Amino acid sequence: MKVLVVDDEQDVKTLFEQRFRREIKNGQVEFAFSFSGEDALVQLNKWEHEAMLILSDINMPGMSGLQLLENVKKKYMKPPPVVMMITAYGDAENRRVAEELGADDFLTKPVDFTMLKEKLKLT
């Protein structure tokens, strides 16, 4: 499974690599990291036509996670990527907008990695 993590916080890469060390080593999951919405679109073009999961922060400078979600759901249709939105703000408005734009799930920070692994069927 390919997973694209999009977050403007650089330490997210180390955190995910630590928490998924065994799954990465076993080849169950392959991570790529983008630190902006714009960079995520570049990465998605490299993975064209491959099924993947996108975990995106909502609040980022430049293109927000919600803008990225809107772009992804309009452009990348075959196969459609699964998009989970991650935010430190669990407010109802962000959740409503994310759901309207086609988000498949909504997670809050700090991420519960045990729950995330269960959602990804990696446990």
C-alpha atoms as a PDB file:
ATOM      1  CA  MET A   1       0.000   0.000   0.000  1.00  0.00           C
ATOM      2  CA  LYS A   2       1.329   3.427  -0.954  1.00  0.00           C
ATOM      3  CA  VAL A   3       0.665   6.230   1.517  1.00  0.00           C
ATOM      4  CA  LEU A   4       1.292   9.900   0.834  1.00  0.00           C
ATOM      5  CA  VAL A   5       1.507  11.935   4.050  1.00  0.00           C
ATOM      6  CA  VAL A   6       1.008  15.668   3.503  1.00  0.00           C
ATOM      7  CA  ASP A   7       1.893  17.978   6.391  1.00  0.00           C
ATOM      8  CA  ASP A   8       3.896  21.180   6.687  1.00  0.00           C
ATOM      9  CA  GLU A   9       5.544  19.901   9.889  1.00  0.00           C
ATOM     10  CA  GLN A  10       8.820  18.191   8.940  1.00  0.00           C
ATOM     11  CA  ASP A  11       8.909  15.954  12.049  1.00  0.00           C
ATOM     12  CA  VAL A  12       5.873  14.040  10.775  1.00  0.00           C
ATOM     13  CA  LYS A  13       8.179  12.025   8.496  1.00  0.00           C
ATOM     14  CA  THR A  14      10.266  10.739  11.414  1.00  0.00           C
ATOM     15  CA  LEU A  15       7.161  10.028  13.480  1.00  0.00           C
ATOM     16  CA  PHE A  16       5.464   7.937  10.772  1.00  0.00           C
ATOM     17  CA  GLU A  17       8.682   6.075   9.941  1.00  0.00           C
ATOM     18  CA  GLN A  18       9.125   5.178  13.619  1.00  0.00           C
ATOM     19  CA  ARG A  19       5.508   4.143  14.203  1.00  0.00           C
ATOM     20  CA  PHE A  20       5.352   2.038  11.014  1.00  0.00           C
ATOM     21  CA  ARG A  21       8.911   0.665  11.148  1.00  0.00           C
ATOM     22  CA  ARG A  22       7.818  -2.991  11.100  1.00  0.00           C
ATOM     23  CA  GLU A  23       5.204  -2.495   8.355  1.00  0.00           C
ATOM     24  CA  ILE A  24       7.717  -0.630   6.178  1.00  0.00           C
ATOM     25  CA  LYS A  25      10.353  -3.343   6.690  1.00  0.00           C
ATOM     26  CA  ASN A  26       7.809  -6.078   5.835  1.00  0.00           C
ATOM     27  CA  GLY A  27       6.791  -4.245   2.657  1.00  0.00           C
ATOM     28  CA  GLN A  28       3.199  -3.791   3.838  1.00  0.00           C
ATOM     29  CA  VAL A  29       3.326  -0.030   3.393  1.00  0.00           C
ATOM     30  CA  GLU A  30       5.414   2.459   1.431  1.00  0.00           C
ATOM     31  CA  PHE A  31       5.417   6.081   2.555  1.00  0.00           C
ATOM     32  CA  ALA A  32       6.100   9.256   0.638  1.00  0.00           C
ATOM     33  CA  PHE A  33       6.036  12.659   2.299  1.00  0.00           C
ATOM     34  CA  SER A  34       5.091  16.065   0.962  1.00  0.00           C
ATOM     35  CA  PHE A  35       5.368  19.187   3.058  1.00  0.00           C
ATOM     36  CA  SER A  36       2.840  21.273   1.129  1.00  0.00           C
ATOM     37  CA  GLY A  37      -0.287  20.764  -0.920  1.00  0.00           C
ATOM     38  CA  GLU A  38       1.554  21.889  -4.028  1.00  0.00           C
ATOM     39  CA  ASP A  39       4.325  19.311  -3.482  1.00  0.00           C
ATOM     40  CA  ALA A  40       1.680  16.630  -2.921  1.00  0.00           C
ATOM     41  CA  LEU A  41       0.220  17.256  -6.379  1.00  0.00           C
ATOM     42  CA  VAL A  42       3.695  16.822  -7.902  1.00  0.00           C
ATOM     43  CA  GLN A  43       4.085  13.506  -6.033  1.00  0.00           C
ATOM     44  CA  LEU A  44       0.637  12.331  -7.142  1.00  0.00           C
ATOM     45  CA  ASN A  45       1.571  12.947 -10.773  1.00  0.00           C
ATOM     46  CA  LYS A  46       4.559  10.623 -10.297  1.00  0.00           C
ATOM     47  CA  TRP A  47       2.238   7.910  -8.955  1.00  0.00           C
ATOM     48  CA  GLU A  48      -0.375   8.357 -11.662  1.00  0.00           C
ATOM     49  CA  HIS A  49      -2.893   5.507 -11.888  1.00  0.00           C
ATOM     50  CA  GLU A  50      -1.708   3.779  -8.721  1.00  0.00           C
ATOM     51  CA  ALA A  51      -4.107   3.145  -5.855  1.00  0.00           C
ATOM     52  CA  MET A  52      -3.019   4.932  -2.728  1.00  0.00           C
ATOM     53  CA  LEU A  53      -4.007   6.510   0.522  1.00  0.00           C
ATOM     54  CA  ILE A  54      -3.460  10.188   1.208  1.00  0.00           C
ATOM     55  CA  LEU A  55      -3.194  11.413   4.806  1.00  0.00           C
ATOM     56  CA  SER A  56      -3.348  15.201   4.687  1.00  0.00           C
ATOM     57  CA  ASP A  57      -3.170  17.897   7.295  1.00  0.00           C
ATOM     58  CA  ILE A  58      -5.878  20.534   6.806  1.00  0.00           C
ATOM     59  CA  ASN A  59      -4.103  23.688   7.967  1.00  0.00           C
ATOM     60  CA  MET A  60      -0.985  24.353   5.905  1.00  0.00           C
ATOM     61  CA  PRO A  61       0.476  27.507   4.400  1.00  0.00           C
ATOM     62  CA  GLY A  62      -0.190  27.943   0.692  1.00  0.00           C
ATOM     63  CA  MET A  63      -2.568  25.244  -0.534  1.00  0.00           C
ATOM     64  CA  SER A  64      -4.596  23.944   2.410  1.00  0.00           C
ATOM     65  CA  GLY A  65      -5.434  20.298   2.879  1.00  0.00           C
ATOM     66  CA  LEU A  66      -9.033  21.066   1.914  1.00  0.00           C
ATOM     67  CA  GLN A  67      -7.869  22.639  -1.364  1.00  0.00           C
ATOM     68  CA  LEU A  68      -5.662  19.599  -1.974  1.00  0.00           C
ATOM     69  CA  LEU A  69      -8.621  17.306  -1.287  1.00  0.00           C
ATOM     70  CA  GLU A  70     -10.756  19.209  -3.784  1.00  0.00           C
ATOM     71  CA  ASN A  71      -8.027  18.930  -6.456  1.00  0.00           C
ATOM     72  CA  VAL A  72      -7.478  15.228  -5.795  1.00  0.00           C
ATOM     73  CA  LYS A  73     -11.160  14.299  -5.941  1.00  0.00           C
ATOM     74  CA  LYS A  74     -11.611  16.200  -9.220  1.00  0.00           C
ATOM     75  CA  LYS A  75      -8.474  15.024 -11.038  1.00  0.00           C
ATOM     76  CA  TYR A  76      -7.470  11.587  -9.766  1.00  0.00           C
ATOM     77  CA  MET A  77     -10.444   9.401 -10.540  1.00  0.00           C
ATOM     78  CA  LYS A  78      -8.992   6.073 -11.734  1.00  0.00           C
ATOM     79  CA  PRO A  79      -8.407   4.547  -9.322  1.00  0.00           C
ATOM     80  CA  PRO A  80      -9.687   7.084  -6.829  1.00  0.00           C
ATOM     81  CA  PRO A  81      -7.340   7.609  -3.882  1.00  0.00           C
ATOM     82  CA  VAL A  82      -8.629   7.275  -0.358  1.00  0.00           C
ATOM     83  CA  VAL A  83      -8.150  10.589   1.453  1.00  0.00           C
ATOM     84  CA  MET A  84      -8.058  10.905   5.238  1.00  0.00           C
ATOM     85  CA  MET A  85      -7.866  14.429   6.601  1.00  0.00           C
ATOM     86  CA  ILE A  86      -5.766  15.086   9.696  1.00  0.00           C
ATOM     87  CA  THR A  87      -6.043  18.239  11.758  1.00  0.00           C
ATOM     88  CA  ALA A  88      -5.323  19.605  15.188  1.00  0.00           C
ATOM     89  CA  TYR A  89      -8.708  21.269  14.999  1.00  0.00           C
ATOM     90  CA  GLY A  90     -11.592  18.833  15.341  1.00  0.00           C
ATOM     91  CA  ASP A  91     -14.179  21.525  14.706  1.00  0.00           C
ATOM     92  CA  ALA A  92     -17.446  20.736  13.002  1.00  0.00           C
ATOM     93  CA  GLU A  93     -16.932  23.231  10.146  1.00  0.00           C
ATOM     94  CA  ASN A  94     -13.678  21.646   8.905  1.00  0.00           C
ATOM     95  CA  ARG A  95     -15.262  18.215   9.179  1.00  0.00           C
ATOM     96  CA  ARG A  96     -18.361  19.332   7.241  1.00  0.00           C
ATOM     97  CA  VAL A  97     -16.276  20.897   4.452  1.00  0.00           C
ATOM     98  CA  ALA A  98     -13.974  17.861   4.265  1.00  0.00           C
ATOM     99  CA  GLU A  99     -16.951  15.513   3.993  1.00  0.00           C
ATOM    100  CA  GLU A 100     -18.589  17.698   1.300  1.00  0.00           C
ATOM    101  CA  LEU A 101     -15.354  17.617  -0.699  1.00  0.00           C
ATOM    102  CA  GLY A 102     -15.254  13.820  -0.534  1.00  0.00           C
ATOM    103  CA  ALA A 103     -12.937  13.015   2.386  1.00  0.00           C
ATOM    104  CA  ASP A 104     -13.083   9.340   3.239  1.00  0.00           C
ATOM    105  CA  ASP A 105     -12.191   9.808   6.920  1.00  0.00           C
ATOM    106  CA  PHE A 106     -11.304  12.518   9.393  1.00  0.00           C
ATOM    107  CA  LEU A 107      -8.606  12.148  12.065  1.00  0.00           C
ATOM    108  CA  THR A 108      -7.455  14.552  14.771  1.00  0.00           C
ATOM    109  CA  LYS A 109      -3.956  15.226  16.078  1.00  0.00           C
ATOM    110  CA  PRO A 110      -2.249  13.739  17.846  1.00  0.00           C
ATOM    111  CA  VAL A 111      -2.827  10.754  15.581  1.00  0.00           C
ATOM    112  CA  ASP A 112      -3.747   7.533  17.344  1.00  0.00           C
ATOM    113  CA  PHE A 113      -1.394   5.222  15.418  1.00  0.00           C
ATOM    114  CA  THR A 114      -2.968   2.040  16.804  1.00  0.00           C
ATOM    115  CA  MET A 115      -6.343   3.145  15.450  1.00  0.00           C
ATOM    116  CA  LEU A 116      -4.774   4.238  12.158  1.00  0.00           C
ATOM    117  CA  LYS A 117      -3.143   0.820  11.713  1.00  0.00           C
ATOM    118  CA  GLU A 118      -6.519  -0.823  12.378  1.00  0.00           C
ATOM    119  CA  LYS A 119      -8.164   1.403   9.742  1.00  0.00           C
ATOM    120  CA  LEU A 120      -5.419   0.453   7.297  1.00  0.00           C
ATOM    121  CA  LYS A 121      -5.835  -3.224   8.221  1.00  0.00           C
ATOM    122  CA  LEU A 122      -2.185  -3.468   9.265  1.00  0.00           C
ATOM    123  CA  THR A 123      -2.797  -5.020  12.687  1.00  0.00           C
END
